[in-house]
Protein backbone atom coordinates (compact mmCIF):
# COMPACT_ATOMS: atom_id res chain seq x y z
CA MET A 1 -13.41 13.26 -5.78
CA ARG A 2 -16.86 13.82 -4.28
CA ARG A 3 -18.68 11.05 -2.38
CA GLY A 4 -21.31 10.69 -5.21
CA GLY A 5 -18.53 10.08 -7.67
CA LEU A 6 -17.02 7.43 -5.48
CA ARG A 7 -20.32 5.72 -5.00
CA TRP A 8 -20.86 5.68 -8.80
CA ILE A 9 -17.48 4.04 -9.27
CA ALA A 10 -18.14 1.55 -6.34
CA ASP A 11 -21.55 0.62 -7.74
CA GLY A 12 -20.09 0.09 -11.27
CA LEU A 13 -17.91 -2.62 -9.92
CA PHE A 14 -20.91 -4.80 -9.08
CA PRO A 15 -24.03 -5.93 -10.92
CA SER A 16 -26.75 -3.46 -10.77
CA GLY A 17 -28.04 -2.93 -7.18
CA ALA A 18 -25.64 -5.67 -5.78
CA ASN A 19 -23.10 -3.45 -4.01
CA PRO A 20 -23.58 -3.85 -0.18
CA HIS A 21 -20.27 -2.09 0.61
CA GLY A 22 -21.09 1.56 -0.15
CA VAL A 23 -18.09 3.54 -1.26
CA LEU A 24 -15.55 1.08 0.13
CA PRO A 25 -14.74 -0.61 -3.18
CA ALA A 26 -13.73 2.78 -4.57
CA LEU A 27 -11.61 3.52 -1.55
CA LEU A 28 -9.80 0.19 -1.89
CA ILE A 29 -8.87 1.25 -5.44
CA LEU A 30 -7.24 4.31 -3.83
CA LEU A 31 -5.38 2.24 -1.31
CA ALA A 32 -3.95 0.06 -4.24
CA LEU A 33 -2.66 3.33 -5.63
CA VAL A 34 -1.02 3.91 -2.26
CA THR A 35 0.55 0.56 -2.37
CA GLY A 36 2.20 1.32 -5.82
CA LEU A 37 3.42 4.65 -4.55
CA VAL A 38 5.14 3.32 -1.46
CA ASP A 39 6.55 0.31 -2.97
CA ALA A 40 8.09 2.46 -5.73
CA VAL A 41 9.81 4.47 -2.97
CA SER A 42 10.99 1.51 -1.01
CA PHE A 43 12.24 -0.65 -4.03
CA LEU A 44 13.87 2.26 -5.96
CA GLY A 45 14.96 4.38 -3.11
CA LEU A 46 15.69 2.14 -0.08
CA GLY A 47 17.74 -0.66 -1.45
CA ARG A 48 15.79 -3.17 -3.26
CA VAL A 49 13.19 -3.83 -0.64
CA PHE A 50 9.40 -3.85 -0.64
CA VAL A 51 7.14 -2.47 2.12
CA ALA A 52 3.97 -3.96 0.88
CA ASN A 53 4.91 -7.00 -1.17
CA MET A 54 6.27 -9.47 1.43
CA THR A 55 6.42 -12.33 -1.13
CA GLY A 56 9.15 -10.35 -2.82
CA ASN A 57 11.02 -9.73 0.52
CA ILE A 58 11.12 -13.42 1.26
CA VAL A 59 12.65 -13.99 -2.13
CA PHE A 60 15.08 -11.00 -1.82
CA LEU A 61 16.19 -12.35 1.53
CA GLY A 62 17.11 -15.71 0.00
CA PHE A 63 18.97 -13.83 -2.73
CA ALA A 64 20.90 -11.86 -0.07
CA LEU A 65 21.78 -14.83 1.93
CA ALA A 66 23.03 -16.62 -1.20
CA GLY A 67 25.52 -13.69 -1.61
CA ASP A 68 23.98 -11.31 -4.07
CA PRO A 69 25.75 -8.04 -3.43
CA GLN A 70 22.90 -5.95 -4.60
CA MET A 71 20.50 -7.36 -1.91
CA SER A 72 20.53 -6.22 1.71
CA LYS A 73 20.66 -8.92 4.46
CA TRP A 74 18.84 -6.66 6.97
CA ALA A 75 16.34 -4.62 4.87
CA SER A 76 13.96 -7.47 4.06
CA PRO A 77 13.88 -8.87 7.53
CA VAL A 78 13.11 -5.29 8.78
CA ALA A 79 10.27 -4.96 6.39
CA LEU A 80 8.89 -8.39 7.18
CA ALA A 81 8.98 -7.66 10.91
CA ALA A 82 7.42 -4.29 10.44
CA PHE A 83 4.64 -5.48 8.26
CA GLY A 84 3.96 -8.42 10.55
CA ALA A 85 3.78 -6.08 13.55
CA GLY A 86 1.27 -3.82 11.73
CA ALA A 87 -0.86 -6.66 10.69
CA TRP A 88 -0.79 -8.06 14.31
CA SER A 89 -1.80 -4.67 15.70
CA ALA A 90 -4.78 -4.38 13.25
CA GLY A 91 -5.74 -7.92 14.06
CA ARG A 92 -6.05 -7.10 17.81
CA VAL A 93 -8.14 -3.93 17.02
CA ILE A 94 -10.49 -5.81 14.51
CA LYS A 95 -11.21 -8.56 17.16
CA ARG A 96 -12.34 -5.84 19.63
CA ALA A 97 -14.20 -3.73 17.11
CA THR A 98 -18.00 -4.15 16.78
CA ASN A 99 -17.80 -2.82 13.20
CA PRO A 100 -15.00 -3.79 10.81
CA ARG A 101 -15.53 -0.57 8.98
CA ARG A 102 -14.74 1.37 12.06
CA ALA A 103 -11.52 -0.63 12.41
CA PHE A 104 -10.66 0.06 8.87
CA ALA A 105 -11.07 3.84 9.38
CA ALA A 106 -8.90 3.75 12.54
CA ALA A 107 -6.33 1.71 10.72
CA THR A 108 -6.26 3.98 7.76
CA ALA A 109 -5.87 7.01 10.04
CA VAL A 110 -2.94 5.48 11.82
CA HIS A 111 -1.42 4.55 8.40
CA ALA A 112 -1.68 8.16 7.28
CA LEU A 113 0.23 9.27 10.53
CA LEU A 114 2.95 6.72 9.80
CA VAL A 115 3.42 7.95 6.19
CA ALA A 116 3.43 11.53 7.56
CA ALA A 117 6.27 10.51 9.83
CA ALA A 118 8.08 8.84 6.89
CA LEU A 119 7.66 11.97 4.91
CA VAL A 120 9.33 14.01 7.73
CA VAL A 121 12.24 11.52 7.78
CA ALA A 122 12.59 11.73 4.07
CA LEU A 123 12.69 15.50 4.17
CA VAL A 124 15.22 15.66 6.93
CA ALA A 125 17.35 13.01 5.19
CA GLY A 126 17.67 15.28 2.18
CA PRO A 127 16.75 14.96 -1.56
CA HIS A 128 17.64 11.53 -2.83
CA THR A 129 16.78 9.94 -6.02
CA ALA A 130 17.43 6.40 -7.56
CA GLY A 131 19.25 7.75 -10.52
CA PRO A 132 22.95 6.79 -11.20
CA GLN A 133 24.23 9.91 -9.44
CA ALA A 134 21.96 9.45 -6.33
CA ALA A 135 23.55 9.61 -2.91
CA PRO A 136 22.32 6.69 -0.87
CA ILE A 137 20.11 7.36 2.09
CA ALA A 138 22.09 6.70 5.44
CA THR A 139 21.33 3.43 7.19
CA GLY A 140 19.35 5.06 10.05
CA PRO A 141 16.90 6.89 7.94
CA GLN A 142 16.64 4.06 5.64
CA ALA A 143 15.71 1.63 8.39
CA ALA A 144 13.18 4.18 9.83
CA LEU A 145 11.55 4.55 6.54
CA ILE A 146 11.17 0.80 5.93
CA THR A 147 9.80 0.36 9.40
CA LEU A 148 7.23 3.23 9.23
CA LEU A 149 6.10 2.31 5.78
CA GLY A 150 6.06 -1.55 6.30
CA TYR A 151 4.06 -1.11 9.58
CA GLY A 152 1.49 0.97 7.81
CA MET A 153 1.18 -1.51 4.91
CA GLY A 154 0.64 -4.29 7.55
CA LEU A 155 -2.15 -2.19 9.13
CA GLN A 156 -3.71 -1.63 5.68
CA ASN A 157 -3.57 -5.22 4.51
CA ALA A 158 -5.10 -6.71 7.73
CA SER A 159 -7.85 -4.05 7.93
CA VAL A 160 -8.81 -4.50 4.12
CA ARG A 161 -8.87 -8.22 4.56
CA ALA A 162 -11.36 -7.98 7.49
CA LEU A 163 -13.82 -5.98 5.28
CA GLY A 164 -14.37 -8.98 2.97
CA VAL A 165 -14.95 -6.94 -0.11
CA PRO A 166 -14.59 -9.61 -3.00
CA ASP A 167 -11.95 -9.48 -5.70
CA LEU A 168 -10.47 -6.09 -4.49
CA VAL A 169 -7.09 -6.38 -3.02
CA THR A 170 -4.72 -3.57 -2.20
CA ASN A 171 -1.39 -5.50 -1.84
CA VAL A 172 -0.22 -8.79 -3.62
CA LEU A 173 -1.85 -9.28 -7.05
CA THR A 174 -0.78 -12.91 -7.86
CA THR A 175 -4.17 -14.43 -7.10
CA THR A 176 -5.91 -11.49 -8.69
CA LEU A 177 -4.08 -12.06 -11.87
CA THR A 178 -4.83 -15.71 -11.82
CA GLY A 179 -8.51 -15.03 -11.46
CA LEU A 180 -8.42 -12.58 -14.31
CA ALA A 181 -6.79 -15.26 -16.49
CA THR A 182 -8.95 -18.16 -15.50
CA ASP A 183 -12.48 -17.00 -14.65
CA THR A 184 -15.34 -15.84 -16.84
CA PRO A 185 -15.30 -12.16 -17.69
CA GLY A 186 -17.69 -10.15 -15.64
CA ARG A 187 -17.84 -7.61 -12.72
CA ALA A 188 -15.54 -9.73 -10.63
CA ALA A 189 -13.02 -9.45 -13.46
CA LEU A 190 -13.60 -5.76 -13.57
CA ARG A 191 -12.84 -5.38 -9.91
CA ARG A 192 -9.61 -7.37 -10.23
CA ALA A 193 -8.63 -5.33 -13.27
CA ALA A 194 -9.25 -2.13 -11.35
CA SER A 195 -6.90 -3.29 -8.51
CA VAL A 196 -4.21 -4.20 -11.11
CA ALA A 197 -4.50 -0.98 -12.84
CA ALA A 198 -4.49 1.17 -9.70
CA MET A 199 -1.36 -0.54 -8.31
CA PHE A 200 0.42 -0.07 -11.71
CA LEU A 201 -0.46 3.54 -11.93
CA GLY A 202 0.64 4.14 -8.41
CA ALA A 203 3.92 2.36 -9.09
CA LEU A 204 4.46 4.32 -12.27
CA ALA A 205 3.80 7.70 -10.57
CA GLY A 206 5.89 6.78 -7.61
CA ALA A 207 8.80 5.87 -9.85
CA VAL A 208 8.54 9.04 -11.85
CA LEU A 209 8.35 11.23 -8.79
CA LEU A 210 11.20 9.41 -7.04
CA LEU A 211 13.63 9.34 -10.05
CA THR A 212 13.03 13.05 -10.78
CA THR A 213 12.61 14.66 -7.38
CA GLY A 214 13.15 12.14 -4.64
CA PRO A 215 10.96 10.19 -2.21
CA ALA A 216 9.18 13.20 -0.55
CA PRO A 217 6.61 13.96 -3.39
CA ALA A 218 5.70 10.27 -3.79
CA LEU A 219 5.17 10.00 0.07
CA ALA A 220 3.15 13.25 0.03
CA ALA A 221 0.95 11.77 -2.65
CA ALA A 222 0.40 8.68 -0.59
CA LEU A 223 -0.33 10.68 2.44
CA ALA A 224 -2.97 12.78 0.60
CA LEU A 225 -4.77 9.59 -0.53
CA LEU A 226 -4.72 8.12 2.93
CA VAL A 227 -6.11 11.25 4.41
CA ALA A 228 -8.98 11.17 1.80
CA VAL A 229 -9.72 7.58 2.43
CA THR A 230 -9.73 8.09 6.18
CA LEU A 231 -12.33 10.87 5.84
CA MET A 232 -14.54 9.11 3.41
CA SER A 233 -14.39 5.83 5.27
CA ARG A 234 -15.55 7.49 8.61
CA ARG A 235 -18.70 8.52 6.76
CA THR A 236 -19.64 4.96 5.81
CA HIS A 237 -20.56 3.51 9.15
């Protein structure tokens, strides 16, 4: 999508003339798509674990410790640690940066590299799907994928938070859905609905790709979006 089209989308999410963020709101919608893609890969292909939704992992860890045989006792803690490390790293960069948008562009570039590494791991590990006949991914590649993707999502979440774009989130949607249900309809509701729709579409596409061809195509799609966001975000500051 061209820059002009992205700016048109971004401006449409705010009242006329009230968008001070340039193309960033449209880029955040693309990142919500990335979240849906990678969480589809992690939950369906890596043993019932999220790499973006840490609330789910905390609940899953409780289920695992209670003895649910479908839940891994190690996958959720690995995802939580990787996400936390990514967010911590982004926080250190943000504190030193003179411009949050530069920090966002840098974090997105590193996130793209991490997803590229995850794609290599997925290709080396072999074609796996989440269907009934799927061969499970070995523990080593599984842990590597969770770590790479979780760290990247931590970077993304922290750098997006620092931008301060209202009502556009790329990760957990509970507060967003609450706002949609309780607040007066308007452009804020439109921004929230855009985040929800983007993450849903990302999850749908990621699940279809994973279930039919394995994790590599879904990761490749996430990588392409991250590269596009990186290039476009570098032109906004």
